[in-house]
Amino acid sequence: YSCLNNLKFIKDSEEGVNKAVILADNYCIDNRINANIVIPHDLPF
């Protein structure tokens, strides 16, 4: 789905949300992204 929609996909090891966010944080820092906003996928409104 990520590839079809031109999104950045990072593979994690299913160790929980906090570990997943760390992977995203590292990517942001390496790519000079100034801030991030963590959004769960289950906020329908």
Full PDB file with SEQRES, HELIX, SHEET, SSBOND, CRYST1, ORIGX, SCALE, CONECT and MASTER records, all heavy atoms in Angstrom:
SEQRES   1 A   45  TYR SER CYS LEU ASN ASN LEU LYS PHE ILE LYS ASP SER          
SEQRES   2 A   45  GLU GLU GLY VAL ASN LYS ALA VAL ILE LEU ALA ASP ASN          
SEQRES   3 A   45  TYR CYS ILE ASP ASN ARG ILE ASN ALA ASN ILE VAL ILE          
SEQRES   4 A   45  PRO HIS ASP LEU PRO PHE                                      
HELIX    1 AA1 VAL A   17  ASP A   30  1                                  14    
CRYST1    1.000    1.000    1.000  90.00  90.00  90.00 P 1           1          
ORIGX1      1.000000  0.000000  0.000000        0.00000                         
ORIGX2      0.000000  1.000000  0.000000        0.00000                         
ORIGX3      0.000000  0.000000  1.000000        0.00000                         
SCALE1      1.000000  0.000000  0.000000        0.00000                         
SCALE2      0.000000  1.000000  0.000000        0.00000                         
SCALE3      0.000000  0.000000  1.000000        0.00000                         
ATOM      1  N   TYR A   1       0.836  -1.201   0.000  1.00  0.00           N  
ATOM      2  CA  TYR A   1       0.000   0.000   0.000  1.00  0.00           C  
ATOM      3  C   TYR A   1       0.877   1.260   0.000  1.00  0.00           C  
ATOM      4  O   TYR A   1       0.607   2.222  -0.728  1.00  0.00           O  
ATOM      5  CB  TYR A   1      -0.919  -0.006   1.225  1.00  0.00           C  
ATOM      6  CG  TYR A   1      -1.711   1.262   1.397  1.00  0.00           C  
ATOM      7  CD1 TYR A   1      -2.963   1.405   0.810  1.00  0.00           C  
ATOM      8  CD2 TYR A   1      -1.196   2.323   2.152  1.00  0.00           C  
ATOM      9  CE1 TYR A   1      -3.680   2.575   0.961  1.00  0.00           C  
ATOM     10  CE2 TYR A   1      -1.913   3.498   2.297  1.00  0.00           C  
ATOM     11  CZ  TYR A   1      -3.153   3.623   1.705  1.00  0.00           C  
ATOM     12  OH  TYR A   1      -3.854   4.798   1.844  1.00  0.00           O  
ATOM     13  N   SER A   2       1.920   1.251   0.807  1.00  0.00           N  
ATOM     14  CA  SER A   2       2.830   2.396   0.889  1.00  0.00           C  
ATOM     15  C   SER A   2       3.484   2.677  -0.462  1.00  0.00           C  
ATOM     16  O   SER A   2       3.574   3.838  -0.895  1.00  0.00           O  
ATOM     17  CB  SER A   2       3.905   2.144   1.951  1.00  0.00           C  
ATOM     18  OG  SER A   2       3.325   1.901   3.213  1.00  0.00           O  
ATOM     19  N   CYS A   3       3.934   1.635  -1.108  1.00  0.00           N  
ATOM     20  CA  CYS A   3       4.586   1.798  -2.413  1.00  0.00           C  
ATOM     21  C   CYS A   3       3.612   2.354  -3.446  1.00  0.00           C  
ATOM     22  O   CYS A   3       3.970   3.254  -4.227  1.00  0.00           O  
ATOM     23  CB  CYS A   3       5.152   0.464  -2.889  1.00  0.00           C  
ATOM     24  SG  CYS A   3       6.514  -0.156  -1.882  1.00  0.00           S  
ATOM     25  N   LEU A   4       2.394   1.841  -3.457  1.00  0.00           N  
ATOM     26  CA  LEU A   4       1.384   2.294  -4.417  1.00  0.00           C  
ATOM     27  C   LEU A   4       1.017   3.755  -4.204  1.00  0.00           C  
ATOM     28  O   LEU A   4       0.625   4.449  -5.151  1.00  0.00           O  
ATOM     29  CB  LEU A   4       0.130   1.427  -4.315  1.00  0.00           C  
ATOM     30  CG  LEU A   4       0.234   0.009  -4.871  1.00  0.00           C  
ATOM     31  CD1 LEU A   4      -1.018  -0.791  -4.513  1.00  0.00           C  
ATOM     32  CD2 LEU A   4       0.412   0.034  -6.389  1.00  0.00           C  
ATOM     33  N   ASN A   5       1.159   4.233  -2.976  1.00  0.00           N  
ATOM     34  CA  ASN A   5       0.764   5.601  -2.647  1.00  0.00           C  
ATOM     35  C   ASN A   5       1.953   6.534  -2.435  1.00  0.00           C  
ATOM     36  O   ASN A   5       1.793   7.642  -1.916  1.00  0.00           O  
ATOM     37  CB  ASN A   5      -0.126   5.589  -1.401  1.00  0.00           C  
ATOM     38  CG  ASN A   5      -1.506   5.036  -1.684  1.00  0.00           C  
ATOM     39  OD1 ASN A   5      -2.386   5.753  -2.146  1.00  0.00           O  
ATOM     40  ND2 ASN A   5      -1.694   3.746  -1.432  1.00  0.00           N  
ATOM     41  N   ASN A   6       3.145   6.082  -2.857  1.00  0.00           N  
ATOM     42  CA  ASN A   6       4.357   6.908  -2.786  1.00  0.00           C  
ATOM     43  C   ASN A   6       4.663   7.406  -1.371  1.00  0.00           C  
ATOM     44  O   ASN A   6       5.000   8.569  -1.156  1.00  0.00           O  
ATOM     45  CB  ASN A   6       4.242   8.104  -3.743  1.00  0.00           C  
ATOM     46  CG  ASN A   6       4.115   7.674  -5.181  1.00  0.00           C  
ATOM     47  OD1 ASN A   6       4.859   6.821  -5.651  1.00  0.00           O  
ATOM     48  ND2 ASN A   6       3.162   8.254  -5.900  1.00  0.00           N  
ATOM     49  N   LEU A   7       4.537   6.501  -0.412  1.00  0.00           N  
ATOM     50  CA  LEU A   7       4.825   6.817   0.974  1.00  0.00           C  
ATOM     51  C   LEU A   7       6.149   6.171   1.377  1.00  0.00           C  
ATOM     52  O   LEU A   7       6.535   5.141   0.834  1.00  0.00           O  
ATOM     53  CB  LEU A   7       3.713   6.294   1.879  1.00  0.00           C  
ATOM     54  CG  LEU A   7       2.276   6.623   1.469  1.00  0.00           C  
ATOM     55  CD1 LEU A   7       1.286   5.933   2.398  1.00  0.00           C  
ATOM     56  CD2 LEU A   7       2.041   8.116   1.456  1.00  0.00           C  
ATOM     57  N   LYS A   8       6.813   6.758   2.337  1.00  0.00           N  
ATOM     58  CA  LYS A   8       8.032   6.157   2.878  1.00  0.00           C  
ATOM     59  C   LYS A   8       7.642   4.993   3.788  1.00  0.00           C  
ATOM     60  O   LYS A   8       6.863   5.173   4.742  1.00  0.00           O  
ATOM     61  CB  LYS A   8       8.840   7.185   3.664  1.00  0.00           C  
ATOM     62  CG  LYS A   8      10.054   6.613   4.390  1.00  0.00           C  
ATOM     63  CD  LYS A   8      11.072   6.036   3.417  1.00  0.00           C  
ATOM     64  CE  LYS A   8      12.251   5.418   4.165  1.00  0.00           C  
ATOM     65  NZ  LYS A   8      13.233   4.803   3.249  1.00  0.00           N  
ATOM     66  N   PHE A   9       8.173   3.821   3.506  1.00  0.00           N  
ATOM     67  CA  PHE A   9       7.894   2.639   4.324  1.00  0.00           C  
ATOM     68  C   PHE A   9       9.165   2.235   5.054  1.00  0.00           C  
ATOM     69  O   PHE A   9      10.233   2.107   4.453  1.00  0.00           O  
ATOM     70  CB  PHE A   9       7.407   1.478   3.459  1.00  0.00           C  
ATOM     71  CG  PHE A   9       7.124   0.222   4.247  1.00  0.00           C  
ATOM     72  CD1 PHE A   9       5.905   0.041   4.886  1.00  0.00           C  
ATOM     73  CD2 PHE A   9       8.088  -0.773   4.363  1.00  0.00           C  
ATOM     74  CE1 PHE A   9       5.651  -1.116   5.620  1.00  0.00           C  
ATOM     75  CE2 PHE A   9       7.840  -1.928   5.088  1.00  0.00           C  
ATOM     76  CZ  PHE A   9       6.612  -2.095   5.718  1.00  0.00           C  
ATOM     77  N   ILE A  10       9.050   2.045   6.361  1.00  0.00           N  
ATOM     78  CA  ILE A  10      10.162   1.560   7.173  1.00  0.00           C  
ATOM     79  C   ILE A  10       9.724   0.248   7.820  1.00  0.00           C  
ATOM     80  O   ILE A  10       8.698   0.193   8.506  1.00  0.00           O  
ATOM     81  CB  ILE A  10      10.560   2.574   8.265  1.00  0.00           C  
ATOM     82  CG1 ILE A  10      11.013   3.891   7.621  1.00  0.00           C  
ATOM     83  CG2 ILE A  10      11.659   1.996   9.153  1.00  0.00           C  
ATOM     84  CD1 ILE A  10      11.333   4.981   8.637  1.00  0.00           C  
ATOM     85  N   LYS A  11      10.494  -0.784   7.597  1.00  0.00           N  
ATOM     86  CA  LYS A  11      10.158  -2.088   8.178  1.00  0.00           C  
ATOM     87  C   LYS A  11      10.605  -2.146   9.625  1.00  0.00           C  
ATOM     88  O   LYS A  11      11.737  -1.783   9.959  1.00  0.00           O  
ATOM     89  CB  LYS A  11      10.827  -3.212   7.377  1.00  0.00           C  
ATOM     90  CG  LYS A  11      10.446  -4.603   7.854  1.00  0.00           C  
ATOM     91  CD  LYS A  11      11.065  -5.689   6.978  1.00  0.00           C  
ATOM     92  CE  LYS A  11      10.655  -7.068   7.469  1.00  0.00           C  
ATOM     93  NZ  LYS A  11      11.212  -8.153   6.638  1.00  0.00           N  
ATOM     94  N   ASP A  12       9.697  -2.596  10.497  1.00  0.00           N  
ATOM     95  CA  ASP A  12      10.074  -2.772  11.891  1.00  0.00           C  
ATOM     96  C   ASP A  12      10.044  -4.248  12.264  1.00  0.00           C  
ATOM     97  O   ASP A  12       9.754  -5.110  11.434  1.00  0.00           O  
ATOM     98  CB  ASP A  12       9.197  -1.918  12.820  1.00  0.00           C  
ATOM     99  CG  ASP A  12       7.803  -2.493  13.035  1.00  0.00           C  
ATOM    100  OD1 ASP A  12       7.446  -3.483  12.369  1.00  0.00           O  
ATOM    101  OD2 ASP A  12       7.067  -1.938  13.871  1.00  0.00           O  
ATOM    102  N   SER A  13      10.342  -4.531  13.522  1.00  0.00           N  
ATOM    103  CA  SER A  13      10.457  -5.917  13.973  1.00  0.00           C  
ATOM    104  C   SER A  13       9.353  -6.301  14.950  1.00  0.00           C  
ATOM    105  O   SER A  13       9.526  -7.225  15.750  1.00  0.00           O  
ATOM    106  CB  SER A  13      11.827  -6.148  14.612  1.00  0.00           C  
ATOM    107  OG  SER A  13      12.063  -5.194  15.633  1.00  0.00           O  
ATOM    108  N   GLU A  14       8.233  -5.567  14.892  1.00  0.00           N  
ATOM    109  CA  GLU A  14       7.075  -5.889  15.727  1.00  0.00           C  
ATOM    110  C   GLU A  14       7.426  -5.891  17.218  1.00  0.00           C  
ATOM    111  O   GLU A  14       7.012  -6.781  17.964  1.00  0.00           O  
ATOM    112  CB  GLU A  14       6.489  -7.251  15.339  1.00  0.00           C  
ATOM    113  CG  GLU A  14       5.866  -7.283  13.955  1.00  0.00           C  
ATOM    114  CD  GLU A  14       4.450  -6.715  13.919  1.00  0.00           C  
ATOM    115  OE1 GLU A  14       3.502  -7.425  14.269  1.00  0.00           O  
ATOM    116  OE2 GLU A  14       4.318  -5.536  13.549  1.00  0.00           O  
ATOM    117  N   GLU A  15       8.180  -4.890  17.643  1.00  0.00           N  
ATOM    118  CA  GLU A  15       8.546  -4.779  19.058  1.00  0.00           C  
ATOM    119  C   GLU A  15       7.765  -3.677  19.760  1.00  0.00           C  
ATOM    120  O   GLU A  15       8.165  -3.226  20.834  1.00  0.00           O  
ATOM    121  CB  GLU A  15      10.053  -4.533  19.189  1.00  0.00           C  
ATOM    122  CG  GLU A  15      10.913  -5.683  18.725  1.00  0.00           C  
ATOM    123  CD  GLU A  15      12.390  -5.424  18.963  1.00  0.00           C  
ATOM    124  OE1 GLU A  15      12.795  -5.405  20.133  1.00  0.00           O  
ATOM    125  OE2 GLU A  15      13.129  -5.225  17.977  1.00  0.00           O  
ATOM    126  N   GLY A  16       6.673  -3.248  19.177  1.00  0.00           N  
ATOM    127  CA  GLY A  16       5.839  -2.248  19.820  1.00  0.00           C  
ATOM    128  C   GLY A  16       5.930  -0.877  19.186  1.00  0.00           C  
ATOM    129  O   GLY A  16       6.825  -0.590  18.380  1.00  0.00           O  
ATOM    130  N   VAL A  17       4.993  -0.021  19.592  1.00  0.00           N  
ATOM    131  CA  VAL A  17       4.879   1.312  18.989  1.00  0.00           C  
ATOM    132  C   VAL A  17       6.109   2.165  19.271  1.00  0.00           C  
ATOM    133  O   VAL A  17       6.594   2.881  18.386  1.00  0.00           O  
ATOM    134  CB  VAL A  17       3.612   2.027  19.517  1.00  0.00           C  
ATOM    135  CG1 VAL A  17       3.491   3.419  18.903  1.00  0.00           C  
ATOM    136  CG2 VAL A  17       2.374   1.214  19.212  1.00  0.00           C  
ATOM    137  N   ASN A  18       6.633   2.101  20.486  1.00  0.00           N  
ATOM    138  CA  ASN A  18       7.767   2.965  20.828  1.00  0.00           C  
ATOM    139  C   ASN A  18       8.992   2.662  19.979  1.00  0.00           C  
ATOM    140  O   ASN A  18       9.680   3.587  19.511  1.00  0.00           O  
ATOM    141  CB  ASN A  18       8.095   2.828  22.321  1.00  0.00           C  
ATOM    142  CG  ASN A  18       6.954   3.301  23.195  1.00  0.00           C  
ATOM    143  OD1 ASN A  18       6.468   4.418  23.054  1.00  0.00           O  
ATOM    144  ND2 ASN A  18       6.504   2.444  24.091  1.00  0.00           N  
ATOM    145  N   LYS A  19       9.263   1.381  19.740  1.00  0.00           N  
ATOM    146  CA  LYS A  19      10.387   1.014  18.887  1.00  0.00           C  
ATOM    147  C   LYS A  19      10.131   1.458  17.439  1.00  0.00           C  
ATOM    148  O   LYS A  19      11.060   1.897  16.742  1.00  0.00           O  
ATOM    149  CB  LYS A  19      10.618  -0.505  18.945  1.00  0.00           C  
ATOM    150  CG  LYS A  19      11.124  -1.005  20.284  1.00  0.00           C  
ATOM    151  CD  LYS A  19      12.575  -0.590  20.500  1.00  0.00           C  
ATOM    152  CE  LYS A  19      13.133  -1.143  21.810  1.00  0.00           C  
ATOM    153  NZ  LYS A  19      13.298  -2.599  21.824  1.00  0.00           N  
ATOM    154  N   ALA A  20       8.885   1.346  17.005  1.00  0.00           N  
ATOM    155  CA  ALA A  20       8.546   1.789  15.645  1.00  0.00           C  
ATOM    156  C   ALA A  20       8.776   3.287  15.489  1.00  0.00           C  
ATOM    157  O   ALA A  20       9.316   3.752  14.466  1.00  0.00           O  
ATOM    158  CB  ALA A  20       7.093   1.435  15.333  1.00  0.00           C  
ATOM    159  N   VAL A  21       8.389   4.050  16.499  1.00  0.00           N  
ATOM    160  CA  VAL A  21       8.571   5.503  16.431  1.00  0.00           C  
ATOM    161  C   VAL A  21      10.054   5.873  16.430  1.00  0.00           C  
ATOM    162  O   VAL A  21      10.472   6.804  15.729  1.00  0.00           O  
ATOM    163  CB  VAL A  21       7.834   6.191  17.603  1.00  0.00           C  
ATOM    164  CG1 VAL A  21       8.186   7.678  17.674  1.00  0.00           C  
ATOM    165  CG2 VAL A  21       6.327   6.030  17.434  1.00  0.00           C  
ATOM    166  N   ILE A  22      10.860   5.144  17.173  1.00  0.00           N  
ATOM    167  CA  ILE A  22      12.313   5.401  17.169  1.00  0.00           C  
ATOM    168  C   ILE A  22      12.880   5.246  15.761  1.00  0.00           C  
ATOM    169  O   ILE A  22      13.723   6.048  15.320  1.00  0.00           O  
ATOM    170  CB  ILE A  22      13.034   4.464  18.159  1.00  0.00           C  
ATOM    171  CG1 ILE A  22      12.728   4.876  19.599  1.00  0.00           C  
ATOM    172  CG2 ILE A  22      14.552   4.484  17.923  1.00  0.00           C  
ATOM    173  CD1 ILE A  22      13.244   3.905  20.645  1.00  0.00           C  
ATOM    174  N   LEU A  23      12.440   4.216  15.041  1.00  0.00           N  
ATOM    175  CA  LEU A  23      12.908   4.022  13.666  1.00  0.00           C  
ATOM    176  C   LEU A  23      12.541   5.226  12.794  1.00  0.00           C  
ATOM    177  O   LEU A  23      13.359   5.704  11.989  1.00  0.00           O  
ATOM    178  CB  LEU A  23      12.301   2.746  13.077  1.00  0.00           C  
ATOM    179  CG  LEU A  23      12.756   1.422  13.687  1.00  0.00           C  
ATOM    180  CD1 LEU A  23      11.962   0.262  13.077  1.00  0.00           C  
ATOM    181  CD2 LEU A  23      14.246   1.203  13.470  1.00  0.00           C  
ATOM    182  N   ALA A  24      11.327   5.720  12.963  1.00  0.00           N  
ATOM    183  CA  ALA A  24      10.906   6.897  12.200  1.00  0.00           C  
ATOM    184  C   ALA A  24      11.696   8.136  12.622  1.00  0.00           C  
ATOM    185  O   ALA A  24      12.086   8.948  11.766  1.00  0.00           O  
ATOM    186  CB  ALA A  24       9.411   7.131  12.386  1.00  0.00           C  
ATOM    187  N   ASP A  25      11.931   8.282  13.922  1.00  0.00           N  
ATOM    188  CA  ASP A  25      12.715   9.423  14.415  1.00  0.00           C  
ATOM    189  C   ASP A  25      14.115   9.425  13.801  1.00  0.00           C  
ATOM    190  O   ASP A  25      14.628  10.480  13.366  1.00  0.00           O  
ATOM    191  CB  ASP A  25      12.849   9.372  15.936  1.00  0.00           C  
ATOM    192  CG  ASP A  25      11.534   9.631  16.649  1.00  0.00           C  
ATOM    193  OD1 ASP A  25      10.587  10.112  16.008  1.00  0.00           O  
ATOM    194  OD2 ASP A  25      11.472   9.347  17.867  1.00  0.00           O  
ATOM    195  N   ASN A  26      14.742   8.261  13.767  1.00  0.00           N  
ATOM    196  CA  ASN A  26      16.090   8.162  13.194  1.00  0.00           C  
ATOM    197  C   ASN A  26      16.093   8.560  11.723  1.00  0.00           C  
ATOM    198  O   ASN A  26      17.007   9.254  11.254  1.00  0.00           O  
ATOM    199  CB  ASN A  26      16.637   6.745  13.362  1.00  0.00           C  
ATOM    200  CG  ASN A  26      16.923   6.396  14.810  1.00  0.00           C  
ATOM    201  OD1 ASN A  26      17.084   7.286  15.653  1.00  0.00           O  
ATOM    202  ND2 ASN A  26      16.987   5.123  15.113  1.00  0.00           N  
ATOM    203  N   TYR A  27      15.075   8.118  10.996  1.00  0.00           N  
ATOM    204  CA  TYR A  27      14.958   8.496   9.589  1.00  0.00           C  
ATOM    205  C   TYR A  27      14.800  10.020   9.457  1.00  0.00           C  
ATOM    206  O   TYR A  27      15.441  10.658   8.602  1.00  0.00           O  
ATOM    207  CB  TYR A  27      13.764   7.791   8.945  1.00  0.00           C  
ATOM    208  CG  TYR A  27      13.458   8.270   7.543  1.00  0.00           C  
ATOM    209  CD1 TYR A  27      14.142   7.745   6.447  1.00  0.00           C  
ATOM    210  CD2 TYR A  27      12.497   9.263   7.330  1.00  0.00           C  
ATOM    211  CE1 TYR A  27      13.876   8.210   5.158  1.00  0.00           C  
ATOM    212  CE2 TYR A  27      12.231   9.727   6.053  1.00  0.00           C  
ATOM    213  CZ  TYR A  27      12.912   9.204   4.974  1.00  0.00           C  
ATOM    214  OH  TYR A  27      12.664   9.660   3.702  1.00  0.00           O  
ATOM    215  N   CYS A  28      13.973  10.601  10.310  1.00  0.00           N  
ATOM    216  CA  CYS A  28      13.758  12.050  10.257  1.00  0.00           C  
ATOM    217  C   CYS A  28      15.047  12.821  10.523  1.00  0.00           C  
ATOM    218  O   CYS A  28      15.369  13.786   9.817  1.00  0.00           O  
ATOM    219  CB  CYS A  28      12.688  12.456  11.270  1.00  0.00           C  
ATOM    220  SG  CYS A  28      11.010  11.927  10.843  1.00  0.00           S  
ATOM    221  N   ILE A  29      15.784  12.389  11.526  1.00  0.00           N  
ATOM    222  CA  ILE A  29      17.034  13.070  11.872  1.00  0.00           C  
ATOM    223  C   ILE A  29      18.044  12.937  10.740  1.00  0.00           C  
ATOM    224  O   ILE A  29      18.707  13.910  10.354  1.00  0.00           O  
ATOM    225  CB  ILE A  29      17.590  12.507  13.191  1.00  0.00           C  
ATOM    226  CG1 ILE A  29      16.657  12.890  14.348  1.00  0.00           C  
ATOM    227  CG2 ILE A  29      19.004  13.018  13.456  1.00  0.00           C  
ATOM    228  CD1 ILE A  29      16.872  12.094  15.604  1.00  0.00           C  
ATOM    229  N   ASP A  30      18.171  11.730  10.195  1.00  0.00           N  
ATOM    230  CA  ASP A  30      19.117  11.506   9.092  1.00  0.00           C  
ATOM    231  C   ASP A  30      18.767  12.330   7.858  1.00  0.00           C  
ATOM    232  O   ASP A  30      19.647  12.689   7.067  1.00  0.00           O  
ATOM    233  CB  ASP A  30      19.150  10.024   8.709  1.00  0.00           C  
ATOM    234  CG  ASP A  30      19.806   9.163   9.774  1.00  0.00           C  
ATOM    235  OD1 ASP A  30      20.478   9.714  10.665  1.00  0.00           O  
ATOM    236  OD2 ASP A  30      19.629   7.923   9.733  1.00  0.00           O  
ATOM    237  N   ASN A  31      17.486  12.643   7.683  1.00  0.00           N  
ATOM    238  CA  ASN A  31      17.033  13.365   6.496  1.00  0.00           C  
ATOM    239  C   ASN A  31      16.667  14.820   6.786  1.00  0.00           C  
ATOM    240  O   ASN A  31      15.995  15.465   5.987  1.00  0.00           O  
ATOM    241  CB  ASN A  31      15.841  12.628   5.867  1.00  0.00           C  
ATOM    242  CG  ASN A  31      16.257  11.334   5.196  1.00  0.00           C  
ATOM    243  OD1 ASN A  31      16.652  11.307   4.051  1.00  0.00           O  
ATOM    244  ND2 ASN A  31      16.170  10.238   5.951  1.00  0.00           N  
ATOM    245  N   ARG A  32      17.151  15.316   7.915  1.00  0.00           N  
ATOM    246  CA  ARG A  32      17.003  16.723   8.290  1.00  0.00           C  
ATOM    247  C   ARG A  32      15.541  17.182   8.302  1.00  0.00           C  
ATOM    248  O   ARG A  32      15.208  18.280   7.849  1.00  0.00           O  
ATOM    249  CB  ARG A  32      17.836  17.615   7.371  1.00  0.00           C  
ATOM    250  CG  ARG A  32      19.328  17.305   7.450  1.00  0.00           C  
ATOM    251  CD  ARG A  32      20.157  18.253   6.627  1.00  0.00           C  
ATOM    252  NE  ARG A  32      21.575  17.961   6.741  1.00  0.00           N  
ATOM    253  CZ  ARG A  32      22.548  18.667   6.153  1.00  0.00           C  
ATOM    254  NH1 ARG A  32      22.230  19.705   5.394  1.00  0.00           N  
ATOM    255  NH2 ARG A  32      23.810  18.319   6.313  1.00  0.00           N  
ATOM    256  N   ILE A  33      14.692  16.324   8.805  1.00  0.00           N  
ATOM    257  CA  ILE A  33      13.289  16.680   9.018  1.00  0.00           C  
ATOM    258  C   ILE A  33      13.182  17.296  10.405  1.00  0.00           C  
ATOM    259  O   ILE A  33      13.634  16.727  11.386  1.00  0.00           O  
ATOM    260  CB  ILE A  33      12.392  15.437   8.869  1.00  0.00           C  
ATOM    261  CG1 ILE A  33      12.432  14.947   7.411  1.00  0.00           C  
ATOM    262  CG2 ILE A  33      10.963  15.736   9.290  1.00  0.00           C  
ATOM    263  CD1 ILE A  33      11.752  13.622   7.172  1.00  0.00           C  
ATOM    264  N   ASN A  34      12.615  18.484  10.477  1.00  0.00           N  
ATOM    265  CA  ASN A  34      12.661  19.280  11.700  1.00  0.00           C  
ATOM    266  C   ASN A  34      11.727  18.807  12.803  1.00  0.00           C  
ATOM    267  O   ASN A  34      11.976  19.029  13.988  1.00  0.00           O  
ATOM    268  CB  ASN A  34      12.333  20.744  11.388  1.00  0.00           C  
ATOM    269  CG  ASN A  34      13.186  21.305  10.273  1.00  0.00           C  
ATOM    270  OD1 ASN A  34      12.758  21.314   9.118  1.00  0.00           O  
ATOM    271  ND2 ASN A  34      14.391  21.751  10.588  1.00  0.00           N  
ATOM    272  N   ALA A  35      10.623  18.196  12.407  1.00  0.00           N  
ATOM    273  CA  ALA A  35       9.617  17.780  13.388  1.00  0.00           C  
ATOM    274  C   ALA A  35       8.817  16.624  12.822  1.00  0.00           C  
ATOM    275  O   ALA A  35       8.783  16.416  11.604  1.00  0.00           O  
ATOM    276  CB  ALA A  35       8.691  18.948  13.725  1.00  0.00           C  
ATOM    277  N   ASN A  36       8.173  15.894  13.723  1.00  0.00           N  
ATOM    278  CA  ASN A  36       7.230  14.883  13.228  1.00  0.00           C  
ATOM    279  C   ASN A  36       5.981  14.848  14.088  1.00  0.00           C  
ATOM    280  O   ASN A  36       5.964  15.340  15.219  1.00  0.00           O  
ATOM    281  CB  ASN A  36       7.873  13.503  13.053  1.00  0.00           C  
ATOM    282  CG  ASN A  36       8.310  12.837  14.332  1.00  0.00           C  
ATOM    283  OD1 ASN A  36       7.777  13.090  15.409  1.00  0.00           O  
ATOM    284  ND2 ASN A  36       9.302  11.953  14.223  1.00  0.00           N  
ATOM    285  N   ILE A  37       4.949  14.303  13.516  1.00  0.00           N  
ATOM    286  CA  ILE A  37       3.667  14.183  14.201  1.00  0.00           C  
ATOM    287  C   ILE A  37       3.214  12.730  14.087  1.00  0.00           C  
ATOM    288  O   ILE A  37       3.030  12.217  12.985  1.00  0.00           O  
ATOM    289  CB  ILE A  37       2.632  15.177  13.628  1.00  0.00           C  
ATOM    290  CG1 ILE A  37       1.271  15.016  14.316  1.00  0.00           C  
ATOM    291  CG2 ILE A  37       2.514  15.082  12.125  1.00  0.00           C  
ATOM    292  CD1 ILE A  37       0.292  16.152  13.990  1.00  0.00           C  
ATOM    293  N   VAL A  38       3.139  12.058  15.229  1.00  0.00           N  
ATOM    294  CA  VAL A  38       2.754  10.650  15.255  1.00  0.00           C  
ATOM    295  C   VAL A  38       1.228  10.578  15.244  1.00  0.00           C  
ATOM    296  O   VAL A  38       0.560  11.124  16.131  1.00  0.00           O  
ATOM    297  CB  VAL A  38       3.323   9.939  16.491  1.00  0.00           C  
ATOM    298  CG1 VAL A  38       2.942   8.454  16.460  1.00  0.00           C  
ATOM    299  CG2 VAL A  38       4.840  10.090  16.552  1.00  0.00           C  
ATOM    300  N   ILE A  39       0.691   9.901  14.224  1.00  0.00           N  
ATOM    301  CA  ILE A  39      -0.748   9.810  14.029  1.00  0.00           C  
ATOM    302  C   ILE A  39      -1.142   8.334  13.964  1.00  0.00           C  
ATOM    303  O   ILE A  39      -0.758   7.640  13.025  1.00  0.00           O  
ATOM    304  CB  ILE A  39      -1.171  10.520  12.724  1.00  0.00           C  
ATOM    305  CG1 ILE A  39      -0.716  11.987  12.743  1.00  0.00           C  
ATOM    306  CG2 ILE A  39      -2.676  10.414  12.514  1.00  0.00           C  
ATOM    307  CD1 ILE A  39      -1.005  12.723  11.440  1.00  0.00           C  
ATOM    308  N   PRO A  40      -1.886   7.833  14.932  1.00  0.00           N  
ATOM    309  CA  PRO A  40      -2.389   6.463  14.819  1.00  0.00           C  
ATOM    310  C   PRO A  40      -3.292   6.331  13.593  1.00  0.00           C  
ATOM    311  O   PRO A  40      -3.908   7.312  13.160  1.00  0.00           O  
ATOM    312  CB  PRO A  40      -3.195   6.274  16.112  1.00  0.00           C  
ATOM    313  CG  PRO A  40      -2.699   7.333  17.038  1.00  0.00           C  
ATOM    314  CD  PRO A  40      -2.319   8.492  16.173  1.00  0.00           C  
ATOM    315  N   HIS A  41      -3.386   5.128  13.070  1.00  0.00           N  
ATOM    316  CA  HIS A  41      -4.193   4.940  11.863  1.00  0.00           C  
ATOM    317  C   HIS A  41      -5.682   4.795  12.176  1.00  0.00           C  
ATOM    318  O   HIS A  41      -6.497   4.710  11.255  1.00  0.00           O  
ATOM    319  CB  HIS A  41      -3.722   3.691  11.092  1.00  0.00           C  
ATOM    320  CG  HIS A  41      -4.220   2.406  11.678  1.00  0.00           C  
ATOM    321  ND1 HIS A  41      -3.687   1.859  12.821  1.00  0.00           N  
ATOM    322  CD2 HIS A  41      -5.214   1.562  11.278  1.00  0.00           C  
ATOM    323  CE1 HIS A  41      -4.324   0.747  13.108  1.00  0.00           C  
ATOM    324  NE2 HIS A  41      -5.256   0.535  12.196  1.00  0.00           N  
ATOM    325  N   ASP A  42      -6.059   4.792  13.465  1.00  0.00           N  
ATOM    326  CA  ASP A  42      -7.440   4.510  13.831  1.00  0.00           C  
ATOM    327  C   ASP A  42      -8.164   5.711  14.443  1.00  0.00           C  
ATOM    328  O   ASP A  42      -8.959   5.581  15.363  1.00  0.00           O  
ATOM    329  CB  ASP A  42      -7.505   3.311  14.777  1.00  0.00           C  
ATOM    330  CG  ASP A  42      -6.704   3.515  16.059  1.00  0.00           C  
ATOM    331  OD1 ASP A  42      -6.023   4.551  16.181  1.00  0.00           O  
ATOM    332  OD2 ASP A  42      -6.765   2.644  16.938  1.00  0.00           O  
ATOM    333  N   LEU A  43      -7.873   6.912  13.905  1.00  0.00           N  
ATOM    334  CA  LEU A  43      -8.601   8.115  14.311  1.00  0.00           C  
ATOM    335  C   LEU A  43      -9.527   8.496  13.161  1.00  0.00           C  
ATOM    336  O   LEU A  43      -9.164   9.292  12.291  1.00  0.00           O  
ATOM    337  CB  LEU A  43      -7.636   9.270  14.612  1.00  0.00           C  
ATOM    338  CG  LEU A  43      -6.576   9.034  15.690  1.00  0.00           C  
ATOM    339  CD1 LEU A  43      -5.729  10.291  15.866  1.00  0.00           C  
ATOM    340  CD2 LEU A  43      -7.205   8.621  17.018  1.00  0.00           C  
ATOM    341  N   PRO A  44     -10.727   7.950  13.120  1.00  0.00           N  
ATOM    342  CA  PRO A  44     -11.564   8.085  11.926  1.00  0.00           C  
ATOM    343  C   PRO A  44     -12.055   9.492  11.641  1.00  0.00           C  
ATOM    344  O   PRO A  44     -12.481   9.780  10.522  1.00  0.00           O  
ATOM    345  CB  PRO A  44     -12.741   7.143  12.214  1.00  0.00           C  
ATOM    346  CG  PRO A  44     -12.761   7.001  13.696  1.00  0.00           C  
ATOM    347  CD  PRO A  44     -11.349   7.090  14.140  1.00  0.00           C  
ATOM    348  N   PHE A  45     -11.994  10.399  12.630  1.00  0.00           N  
ATOM    349  CA  PHE A  45     -12.492  11.752  12.412  1.00  0.00           C  
ATOM    350  C   PHE A  45     -11.377  12.775  12.228  1.00  0.00           C  
ATOM    351  O   PHE A  45     -11.622  13.983  12.248  1.00  0.00           O  
ATOM    352  CB  PHE A  45     -13.405  12.169  13.579  1.00  0.00           C  
ATOM    353  CG  PHE A  45     -14.588  11.259  13.746  1.00  0.00           C  
ATOM    354  CD1 PHE A  45     -14.777  10.574  14.937  1.00  0.00           C  
ATOM    355  CD2 PHE A  45     -15.489  11.059  12.716  1.00  0.00           C  
ATOM    356  CE1 PHE A  45     -15.867   9.715  15.100  1.00  0.00           C  
ATOM    357  CE2 PHE A  45     -16.573  10.199  12.869  1.00  0.00           C  
ATOM    358  CZ  PHE A  45     -16.759   9.532  14.054  1.00  0.00           C  
TER     359      PHE A  45                                                      
MASTER        0    0    0    1    0    0    0    6  358    1    0    4          
END                                                                             
